[in-house]
Amino acid sequence: MKWWFGVALWKRVLGALVLGLIFGAVLAQLMGGEAASSFIESYVKPVGDLFIRLIRMLIVPLILTTLVAGVVALGDPKKLGSIGLKTIALYFATTLFANMIGIIFGLVFRPGAGVDLGGADAVPVSTEAPTLADRLLNIVPDNPVAALADGDVLAIIFFAVLLGIGILMAGRQGKLIGDFFTAASDVVLKVTHMVMEVAPFGVFALVSFTTASQGLDALLAIAVLIAAVYAGLLTHVVLVYGGLIRFVLNLPVMNFIRGMLDAIAVAYSTASSSATLPVTIANASENLGVKRSIAGSVLPLGATINMDGTALYLGILALFTAQAFGYDLTFMNYVLIAFTAAIVSIGAAGIPSASLFLLAIVLSTFNVPPEQVAIIVGFILPVDRIMDMARTATNVTGDAAVATAVAKWEGELDEDLYRHPADVPYEPKAEPPEVAGADRD
């Protein structure tokens, strides 16, 4: 098995993805879609479910340990405010570009023109959404232990940041706790590497099930919409993230893509930015040179609030709906669609197809009745996973791009590691020895 581990993980994951597509398609042809889907669900998909459970198992301990360790590594609580402002500003800016690109591609591709929705079954959806005040209050946990048990990411981030600041303010008395979380984050990252060796098998199982259950006929019925979504997401990645890396940070783009390939492959196959978070943190810190202080704080926040792919997708779906039902939209409608898509995308859960059920809120900007919303969701839901995979890969790429930018601006990016050739072993520069007896407070 030495040859297996000698192949880069992203290549193994990509190979498994292609084989999964072939296996699912061939089995569907031989057995029929329903029989093939049932067979794979019983005997193959459990491997994919196991992989997802293993990854999700790591999310809470990884966020808690890396975020506390990251705050401790900053050494100065004031620096956390600078990082937070830059992070949120960048996330907001990239989401704004995603909104504009989504509307432009919806206008160019016109995916809803001439679409027959007669065969779609209506799916009940809700237009209710928590208020801004409720969202802000929910960030503060009533019980930190309950937040950890429930996997409430924003509440965990809030508690971990406060705990890290408390450790710094405690000085010498808090050093032991700080060292514990630093060591714990290293341990959890090692466990992440172990779990990632299951990724090729999990990806094969998940992709083969998706291919067998949805089939090619369903894809052809909505091919223009899928093409518009993929083209828009690719344009956003190249122009916005690529432009940020190359022209704002003056860093090579290909090194960034190469360093994040494992995370992008896992994000695409699992369609869950939350489930991909352990791999994203590992790739950013070990391949891109993003220091622990940044990776541990920026990336968990990004997995929760940075949903550029979702914002872009909701914009295209809004135009798809307007074109399918014959709505004439004004310039102000486009502005409201963009603004609303940006707001609701922040609240989108990092799980498969969560954004589709936020569509009702966006469509309310031009008074689409609930019956038509339900028809649109019913039409798109069967193949939403195909587009969700690309949205998630975009979100994860954006998280890493923002983390890289913040790290460079804060002097927390190891550029030697970032620029290092992939085929040459990296040897970090030796740190200057500490002066014996120096005060570390």
Protein backbone atom coordinates (compact mmCIF):
# COMPACT_ATOMS: atom_id res chain seq x y z
CA MET A 1 0.00 0.00 0.00
CA LYS A 2 3.02 2.29 -0.09
CA TRP A 3 2.09 3.44 -3.60
CA TRP A 4 -1.37 4.50 -2.35
CA PHE A 5 0.00 6.86 0.27
CA GLY A 6 2.63 8.07 -2.20
CA VAL A 7 -0.12 9.68 -4.30
CA ALA A 8 -1.24 13.15 -3.20
CA LEU A 9 -4.54 13.04 -1.33
CA TRP A 10 -6.31 15.43 -3.72
CA LYS A 11 -5.42 13.17 -6.64
CA ARG A 12 -6.86 10.16 -4.82
CA VAL A 13 -10.03 12.12 -4.00
CA LEU A 14 -10.38 13.37 -7.59
CA GLY A 15 -9.86 9.86 -8.93
CA ALA A 16 -12.48 8.51 -6.54
CA LEU A 17 -14.90 11.23 -7.64
CA VAL A 18 -14.51 10.28 -11.33
CA LEU A 19 -14.84 6.56 -10.55
CA GLY A 20 -17.94 7.29 -8.48
CA LEU A 21 -19.53 9.13 -11.40
CA ILE A 22 -18.77 6.22 -13.75
CA PHE A 23 -19.90 3.56 -11.27
CA GLY A 24 -23.19 5.30 -10.51
CA ALA A 25 -23.98 6.00 -14.17
CA VAL A 26 -23.13 2.46 -15.36
CA LEU A 27 -25.07 0.82 -12.54
CA ALA A 28 -28.09 3.02 -13.29
CA GLN A 29 -27.98 1.90 -16.93
CA LEU A 30 -27.67 -1.78 -16.04
CA MET A 31 -30.16 -1.96 -13.17
CA GLY A 32 -32.36 1.07 -13.71
CA GLY A 33 -32.12 4.28 -11.70
CA GLU A 34 -34.34 3.28 -8.79
CA ALA A 35 -32.81 -0.20 -8.34
CA ALA A 36 -29.26 1.13 -8.66
CA SER A 37 -30.00 3.91 -6.16
CA SER A 38 -31.43 1.41 -3.69
CA PHE A 39 -28.46 -0.96 -4.10
CA ILE A 40 -25.87 1.81 -3.62
CA GLU A 41 -27.80 3.27 -0.67
CA SER A 42 -27.72 -0.12 1.06
CA TYR A 43 -24.20 -1.33 0.30
CA VAL A 44 -22.04 1.62 -0.80
CA LYS A 45 -23.41 4.87 0.61
CA PRO A 46 -22.84 3.84 4.27
CA VAL A 47 -19.11 4.33 3.61
CA GLY A 48 -19.83 7.92 2.58
CA ASP A 49 -22.05 8.42 5.62
CA LEU A 50 -19.24 7.12 7.83
CA PHE A 51 -16.82 9.63 6.30
CA ILE A 52 -19.25 12.50 6.91
CA ARG A 53 -19.74 11.42 10.52
CA LEU A 54 -15.98 11.22 11.08
CA ILE A 55 -15.51 14.74 9.73
CA ARG A 56 -18.42 16.15 11.72
CA MET A 57 -17.02 14.48 14.81
CA LEU A 58 -14.01 16.80 14.53
CA ILE A 59 -15.82 20.10 13.94
CA VAL A 60 -16.57 21.09 17.55
CA PRO A 61 -13.21 20.08 19.10
CA LEU A 62 -11.36 21.63 16.16
CA ILE A 63 -13.15 24.99 16.37
CA LEU A 64 -12.77 25.20 20.14
CA THR A 65 -9.11 24.20 20.34
CA THR A 66 -7.81 26.05 17.26
CA LEU A 67 -9.71 29.24 18.03
CA VAL A 68 -8.58 29.39 21.67
CA ALA A 69 -5.02 28.53 20.60
CA GLY A 70 -5.23 31.16 17.86
CA VAL A 71 -6.28 33.91 20.26
CA VAL A 72 -3.54 32.88 22.69
CA ALA A 73 -0.99 32.94 19.86
CA LEU A 74 -1.91 36.56 19.07
CA GLY A 75 -0.49 37.63 22.43
CA ASP A 76 -2.51 40.88 22.38
CA PRO A 77 -6.34 40.99 22.57
CA LYS A 78 -6.31 44.31 20.67
CA LYS A 79 -4.99 42.51 17.59
CA LEU A 80 -8.12 40.34 17.57
CA GLY A 81 -10.25 43.42 16.86
CA SER A 82 -8.09 44.31 13.87
CA ILE A 83 -8.38 40.78 12.51
CA GLY A 84 -12.14 40.72 13.06
CA LEU A 85 -12.76 43.99 11.23
CA LYS A 86 -10.64 42.97 8.23
CA THR A 87 -12.23 39.53 8.10
CA ILE A 88 -15.84 40.75 8.15
CA ALA A 89 -15.09 43.55 5.67
CA LEU A 90 -13.55 41.09 3.21
CA TYR A 91 -16.37 38.58 3.58
CA PHE A 92 -18.91 41.32 2.95
CA ALA A 93 -17.01 42.62 -0.09
CA THR A 94 -16.71 39.19 -1.73
CA THR A 95 -20.42 38.51 -1.10
CA LEU A 96 -21.28 41.80 -2.80
CA PHE A 97 -19.33 40.75 -5.90
CA ALA A 98 -21.02 37.31 -5.81
CA ASN A 99 -24.45 38.96 -5.83
CA MET A 100 -23.61 41.08 -8.85
CA ILE A 101 -22.11 38.16 -10.77
CA GLY A 102 -25.17 36.00 -10.02
CA ILE A 103 -27.60 38.60 -11.39
CA ILE A 104 -25.43 39.24 -14.46
CA PHE A 105 -25.25 35.53 -15.30
CA GLY A 106 -28.97 35.17 -14.69
CA LEU A 107 -29.57 37.91 -17.26
CA VAL A 108 -27.06 36.53 -19.77
CA PHE A 109 -28.03 32.83 -19.61
CA ARG A 110 -31.79 33.39 -19.03
CA PRO A 111 -32.10 29.87 -17.52
CA GLY A 112 -35.84 30.19 -16.83
CA ALA A 113 -36.90 31.22 -20.33
CA GLY A 114 -39.19 28.61 -21.87
CA VAL A 115 -38.93 26.19 -18.91
CA ASP A 116 -41.95 23.90 -18.46
CA LEU A 117 -42.78 23.65 -14.75
CA GLY A 118 -45.90 21.56 -15.23
CA GLY A 119 -44.33 18.31 -14.06
CA ALA A 120 -42.85 19.72 -10.86
CA ASP A 121 -44.34 18.72 -7.50
CA ALA A 122 -44.75 21.59 -5.05
CA VAL A 123 -42.53 21.44 -1.95
CA PRO A 124 -43.71 23.27 1.19
CA VAL A 125 -41.37 26.11 2.13
CA SER A 126 -41.36 28.69 4.88
CA THR A 127 -40.73 32.42 4.52
CA GLU A 128 -40.07 32.87 8.21
CA ALA A 129 -36.59 34.02 9.16
CA PRO A 130 -35.12 35.08 12.50
CA THR A 131 -34.73 38.81 13.02
CA LEU A 132 -31.31 40.43 13.15
CA ALA A 133 -31.69 40.93 16.92
CA ASP A 134 -32.45 37.22 17.39
CA ARG A 135 -29.41 36.23 15.35
CA LEU A 136 -27.14 38.49 17.40
CA LEU A 137 -28.54 37.25 20.71
CA ASN A 138 -28.17 33.62 19.66
CA ILE A 139 -24.43 34.14 19.26
CA VAL A 140 -24.14 34.38 23.07
CA PRO A 141 -24.75 30.87 24.47
CA ASP A 142 -26.94 30.36 27.53
CA ASN A 143 -24.76 27.35 28.31
CA PRO A 144 -21.36 26.86 26.61
CA VAL A 145 -21.48 23.11 27.25
CA ALA A 146 -24.88 22.90 25.55
CA ALA A 147 -23.53 24.93 22.61
CA LEU A 148 -20.66 22.45 22.26
CA ALA A 149 -23.07 19.51 22.47
CA ASP A 150 -25.43 21.02 19.88
CA GLY A 151 -22.63 22.09 17.53
CA ASP A 152 -23.78 25.73 17.55
CA VAL A 153 -20.80 27.15 15.63
CA LEU A 154 -21.34 30.87 16.22
CA ALA A 155 -21.91 30.34 19.94
CA ILE A 156 -18.76 28.18 20.14
CA ILE A 157 -16.75 30.87 18.33
CA PHE A 158 -18.00 33.54 20.76
CA PHE A 159 -17.17 31.45 23.83
CA ALA A 160 -13.76 30.37 22.46
CA VAL A 161 -12.74 33.96 21.72
CA LEU A 162 -13.73 35.07 25.23
CA LEU A 163 -11.89 32.10 26.75
CA GLY A 164 -8.76 32.91 24.74
CA ILE A 165 -8.87 36.56 25.80
CA GLY A 166 -9.33 35.46 29.42
CA ILE A 167 -6.24 33.24 29.17
CA LEU A 168 -4.19 36.16 27.83
CA MET A 169 -5.43 38.51 30.55
CA ALA A 170 -4.60 35.93 33.24
CA GLY A 171 -0.91 36.15 32.29
CA ARG A 172 1.31 33.58 33.99
CA GLN A 173 -1.66 31.95 35.73
CA GLY A 174 -3.34 31.27 32.38
CA LYS A 175 -0.23 29.94 30.62
CA LEU A 176 -0.91 26.31 31.55
CA ILE A 177 -4.44 26.46 30.06
CA GLY A 178 -3.09 28.20 26.95
CA ASP A 179 -0.45 25.50 26.46
CA PHE A 180 -3.15 22.85 26.87
CA PHE A 181 -5.31 24.27 24.08
CA THR A 182 -2.27 24.77 21.83
CA ALA A 183 -1.29 21.12 22.27
CA ALA A 184 -4.92 20.01 21.90
CA SER A 185 -5.26 21.81 18.56
CA ASP A 186 -2.13 20.03 17.29
CA VAL A 187 -3.60 16.69 18.36
CA VAL A 188 -6.95 17.35 16.69
CA LEU A 189 -5.19 18.31 13.44
CA LYS A 190 -3.30 15.00 13.54
CA VAL A 191 -6.61 13.18 13.97
CA THR A 192 -7.90 15.15 10.99
CA HIS A 193 -5.06 13.77 8.87
CA MET A 194 -6.03 10.26 9.93
CA VAL A 195 -9.69 10.80 9.05
CA MET A 196 -8.79 12.31 5.68
CA GLU A 197 -7.33 8.99 4.56
CA VAL A 198 -10.93 7.76 4.42
CA ALA A 199 -11.86 10.61 2.05
CA PRO A 200 -11.36 8.80 -1.30
CA PHE A 201 -13.65 5.95 -0.23
CA GLY A 202 -16.25 8.31 1.19
CA VAL A 203 -16.21 10.49 -1.92
CA PHE A 204 -16.64 7.45 -4.18
CA ALA A 205 -19.67 6.33 -2.19
CA LEU A 206 -21.34 9.75 -2.03
CA VAL A 207 -20.83 10.63 -5.69
CA SER A 208 -21.93 7.23 -6.98
CA PHE A 209 -25.17 7.51 -4.98
CA THR A 210 -25.84 11.04 -6.26
CA THR A 211 -25.25 9.97 -9.87
CA ALA A 212 -27.42 6.84 -9.63
CA SER A 213 -30.30 8.53 -7.79
CA GLN A 214 -30.54 11.67 -9.95
CA GLY A 215 -29.51 10.37 -13.37
CA LEU A 216 -28.74 12.25 -16.54
CA ASP A 217 -32.36 12.91 -17.59
CA ALA A 218 -32.95 15.12 -14.56
CA LEU A 219 -29.79 17.08 -15.34
CA LEU A 220 -30.78 17.69 -18.97
CA ALA A 221 -34.14 19.17 -17.93
CA ILE A 222 -32.37 21.94 -16.03
CA ALA A 223 -29.05 22.04 -17.92
CA VAL A 224 -29.07 25.79 -18.66
CA LEU A 225 -29.56 26.66 -14.98
CA ILE A 226 -26.74 24.30 -13.95
CA ALA A 227 -24.48 25.81 -16.63
CA ALA A 228 -25.30 29.35 -15.46
CA VAL A 229 -24.57 28.47 -11.82
CA TYR A 230 -21.26 26.73 -12.61
CA ALA A 231 -20.15 29.51 -14.97
CA GLY A 232 -21.02 32.18 -12.42
CA LEU A 233 -19.23 30.40 -9.56
CA LEU A 234 -16.13 29.78 -11.68
CA THR A 235 -16.08 33.43 -12.75
CA HIS A 236 -16.37 34.51 -9.12
CA VAL A 237 -13.48 32.26 -8.06
CA VAL A 238 -11.22 33.41 -10.91
CA LEU A 239 -11.98 37.14 -10.86
CA VAL A 240 -12.67 37.84 -7.18
CA TYR A 241 -10.56 35.31 -5.29
CA GLY A 242 -7.89 35.09 -7.98
CA GLY A 243 -7.77 38.88 -8.22
CA LEU A 244 -7.46 39.21 -4.43
CA ILE A 245 -4.58 36.74 -4.30
CA ARG A 246 -2.69 37.94 -7.38
CA PHE A 247 -3.22 41.70 -7.54
CA VAL A 248 -4.01 42.72 -3.96
CA LEU A 249 -1.70 40.32 -2.10
CA ASN A 250 0.86 39.87 -4.92
CA LEU A 251 0.98 36.10 -4.37
CA PRO A 252 0.98 33.32 -6.99
CA VAL A 253 -2.55 32.01 -7.59
CA MET A 254 -1.53 28.49 -8.56
CA ASN A 255 0.20 27.98 -5.21
CA PHE A 256 -3.04 28.93 -3.51
CA ILE A 257 -5.13 26.52 -5.60
CA ARG A 258 -2.60 23.72 -5.18
CA GLY A 259 -2.48 24.22 -1.43
CA MET A 260 -6.28 24.06 -1.08
CA LEU A 261 -6.98 21.17 -3.48
CA ASP A 262 -7.73 18.66 -0.71
CA ALA A 263 -10.27 20.96 0.92
CA ILE A 264 -11.87 21.91 -2.41
CA ALA A 265 -12.24 18.24 -3.38
CA VAL A 266 -13.82 17.34 -0.04
CA ALA A 267 -16.11 20.39 -0.18
CA TYR A 268 -17.27 19.47 -3.67
CA SER A 269 -18.03 15.87 -2.78
CA THR A 270 -19.67 16.47 0.64
CA ALA A 271 -21.51 19.73 -0.23
CA SER A 272 -20.95 20.88 3.36
CA SER A 273 -18.61 23.73 4.29
CA SER A 274 -18.97 22.84 7.97
CA ALA A 275 -17.95 19.23 7.36
CA THR A 276 -14.97 20.44 5.30
CA LEU A 277 -13.73 22.84 8.00
CA PRO A 278 -11.11 20.49 9.54
CA VAL A 279 -9.53 19.97 6.11
CA THR A 280 -9.71 23.68 5.30
CA ILE A 281 -7.83 24.60 8.46
CA ALA A 282 -5.22 21.90 7.87
CA ASN A 283 -4.63 22.98 4.24
CA ALA A 284 -4.47 26.70 5.05
CA SER A 285 -2.00 26.29 7.90
CA GLU A 286 0.19 23.53 6.47
CA ASN A 287 0.16 24.37 2.74
CA LEU A 288 -0.45 28.11 2.57
CA GLY A 289 1.49 29.13 5.66
CA VAL A 290 -1.46 30.82 7.41
CA LYS A 291 -0.47 31.00 11.06
CA ARG A 292 -2.58 29.37 13.76
CA SER A 293 -3.73 32.73 15.11
CA ILE A 294 -5.48 33.48 11.80
CA ALA A 295 -6.54 30.01 10.65
CA GLY A 296 -8.15 29.26 14.00
CA SER A 297 -10.27 32.41 13.99
CA VAL A 298 -10.99 33.41 10.37
CA LEU A 299 -11.84 30.00 8.90
CA PRO A 300 -14.47 28.84 11.46
CA LEU A 301 -16.18 32.23 11.11
CA GLY A 302 -16.05 31.91 7.32
CA ALA A 303 -17.62 28.45 7.39
CA THR A 304 -20.55 30.03 9.22
CA ILE A 305 -21.12 33.44 7.61
CA ASN A 306 -19.21 33.46 4.29
CA MET A 307 -21.63 31.96 1.75
CA ASP A 308 -20.67 33.63 -1.53
CA GLY A 309 -21.77 30.59 -3.51
CA THR A 310 -25.18 30.71 -1.84
CA ALA A 311 -25.61 34.45 -2.49
CA LEU A 312 -24.71 34.00 -6.17
CA TYR A 313 -26.99 30.98 -6.50
CA LEU A 314 -29.97 32.72 -4.91
CA GLY A 315 -29.56 35.63 -7.33
CA ILE A 316 -29.61 33.32 -10.34
CA LEU A 317 -32.61 31.39 -8.95
CA ALA A 318 -34.53 34.63 -8.45
CA LEU A 319 -34.05 35.52 -12.11
CA PHE A 320 -34.84 31.92 -13.11
CA THR A 321 -38.18 32.25 -11.29
CA ALA A 322 -38.96 35.63 -12.83
CA GLN A 323 -38.22 34.34 -16.33
CA ALA A 324 -40.15 31.07 -15.84
CA PHE A 325 -43.31 32.83 -14.58
CA GLY A 326 -43.02 35.96 -16.72
CA TYR A 327 -42.25 38.65 -14.12
CA ASP A 328 -40.89 41.96 -15.43
CA LEU A 329 -38.23 43.12 -13.00
CA THR A 330 -37.07 46.71 -12.53
CA PHE A 331 -33.63 47.94 -11.55
CA MET A 332 -34.84 48.33 -7.96
CA ASN A 333 -35.96 44.67 -7.98
CA TYR A 334 -32.41 43.65 -8.88
CA VAL A 335 -31.01 45.80 -6.06
CA LEU A 336 -33.42 44.23 -3.55
CA ILE A 337 -32.63 40.72 -4.81
CA ALA A 338 -28.89 41.35 -4.38
CA PHE A 339 -29.27 42.87 -0.91
CA THR A 340 -31.67 40.18 0.34
CA ALA A 341 -29.56 37.33 -1.09
CA ALA A 342 -26.52 38.71 0.75
CA ILE A 343 -28.37 38.95 4.06
CA VAL A 344 -30.03 35.51 4.00
CA SER A 345 -26.86 33.82 2.75
CA ILE A 346 -25.17 34.80 6.02
CA GLY A 347 -27.75 32.76 7.89
CA ALA A 348 -27.51 29.73 5.60
CA ALA A 349 -26.49 26.54 7.39
CA GLY A 350 -23.32 24.92 6.09
CA ILE A 351 -25.18 21.73 5.15
CA PRO A 352 -26.36 20.36 1.78
CA SER A 353 -29.25 22.23 0.06
CA ALA A 354 -29.91 24.53 3.04
CA SER A 355 -29.81 27.61 0.79
CA LEU A 356 -32.62 26.35 -1.44
CA PHE A 357 -35.17 26.88 1.33
CA LEU A 358 -34.03 30.48 1.77
CA LEU A 359 -35.22 31.16 -1.76
CA ALA A 360 -38.71 32.07 -0.52
CA ILE A 361 -37.28 35.09 1.33
CA VAL A 362 -35.46 36.37 -1.78
CA LEU A 363 -38.49 35.83 -4.02
CA SER A 364 -40.64 37.83 -1.63
CA THR A 365 -38.82 40.96 -2.90
CA PHE A 366 -40.98 40.86 -6.04
CA ASN A 367 -44.06 39.26 -4.44
CA VAL A 368 -43.88 35.72 -5.78
CA PRO A 369 -46.83 33.81 -4.23
CA PRO A 370 -46.07 30.78 -2.01
CA GLU A 371 -47.58 28.39 -4.57
CA GLN A 372 -45.05 29.42 -7.23
CA VAL A 373 -42.20 29.31 -4.72
CA ALA A 374 -43.16 25.74 -3.85
CA ILE A 375 -43.22 24.76 -7.54
CA ILE A 376 -39.76 26.26 -8.15
CA VAL A 377 -38.29 24.45 -5.14
CA GLY A 378 -39.91 21.19 -6.27
CA PHE A 379 -38.45 21.65 -9.75
CA ILE A 380 -34.92 22.36 -8.55
CA LEU A 381 -34.66 20.16 -5.45
CA PRO A 382 -33.99 16.84 -7.28
CA VAL A 383 -30.80 18.21 -8.87
CA ASP A 384 -29.86 20.86 -6.31
CA ARG A 385 -27.08 18.64 -4.96
CA ILE A 386 -25.16 18.99 -8.25
CA MET A 387 -25.14 22.77 -7.89
CA ASP A 388 -24.70 22.66 -4.11
CA MET A 389 -21.40 20.83 -4.53
CA ALA A 390 -20.00 23.68 -6.64
CA ARG A 391 -21.40 26.33 -4.26
CA THR A 392 -19.69 24.69 -1.31
CA ALA A 393 -16.36 24.42 -3.11
CA THR A 394 -16.65 28.15 -3.88
CA ASN A 395 -17.43 29.00 -0.25
CA VAL A 396 -14.45 27.03 1.04
CA THR A 397 -12.14 28.63 -1.53
CA GLY A 398 -13.37 32.05 -0.42
CA ASP A 399 -12.76 31.25 3.24
CA ALA A 400 -9.16 30.34 2.47
CA ALA A 401 -8.61 33.41 0.27
CA VAL A 402 -9.84 35.74 3.02
CA ALA A 403 -7.74 33.93 5.64
CA THR A 404 -4.66 34.30 3.42
CA ALA A 405 -5.33 38.01 2.94
CA VAL A 406 -5.87 38.71 6.63
CA ALA A 407 -2.79 36.65 7.52
CA LYS A 408 -0.58 38.65 5.16
CA TRP A 409 -1.91 42.00 6.33
CA GLU A 410 -1.36 40.99 9.97
CA GLY A 411 2.15 39.62 9.34
CA GLU A 412 0.94 36.09 10.16
CA LEU A 413 1.63 34.46 6.76
CA ASP A 414 4.68 32.26 6.19
CA GLU A 415 5.36 33.36 2.59
CA ASP A 416 8.32 31.00 2.26
CA LEU A 417 5.95 28.09 2.85
CA TYR A 418 3.27 29.59 0.59
CA ARG A 419 5.69 30.06 -2.32
CA HIS A 420 7.52 26.78 -1.77
CA PRO A 421 7.51 24.35 -4.75
CA ALA A 422 5.26 21.35 -4.23
CA ASP A 423 7.88 18.79 -5.26
CA VAL A 424 10.58 19.97 -2.84
CA PRO A 425 10.46 19.15 0.91
CA TYR A 426 9.96 22.30 2.97
CA GLU A 427 12.37 23.03 5.80
CA PRO A 428 11.16 25.94 7.97
CA LYS A 429 13.68 28.49 9.16
CA ALA A 430 14.92 27.95 12.67
CA GLU A 431 13.26 30.20 15.23
CA PRO A 432 15.62 32.44 17.25
CA PRO A 433 16.29 30.88 20.65
CA GLU A 434 14.43 32.35 23.59
CA VAL A 435 16.44 34.22 26.15
CA ALA A 436 16.61 32.22 29.35
CA GLY A 437 14.42 33.62 32.09
CA ALA A 438 12.70 36.13 29.78
CA ASP A 439 9.32 37.41 30.94
CA ARG A 440 6.68 35.92 28.64
CA ASP A 441 3.73 37.84 30.07
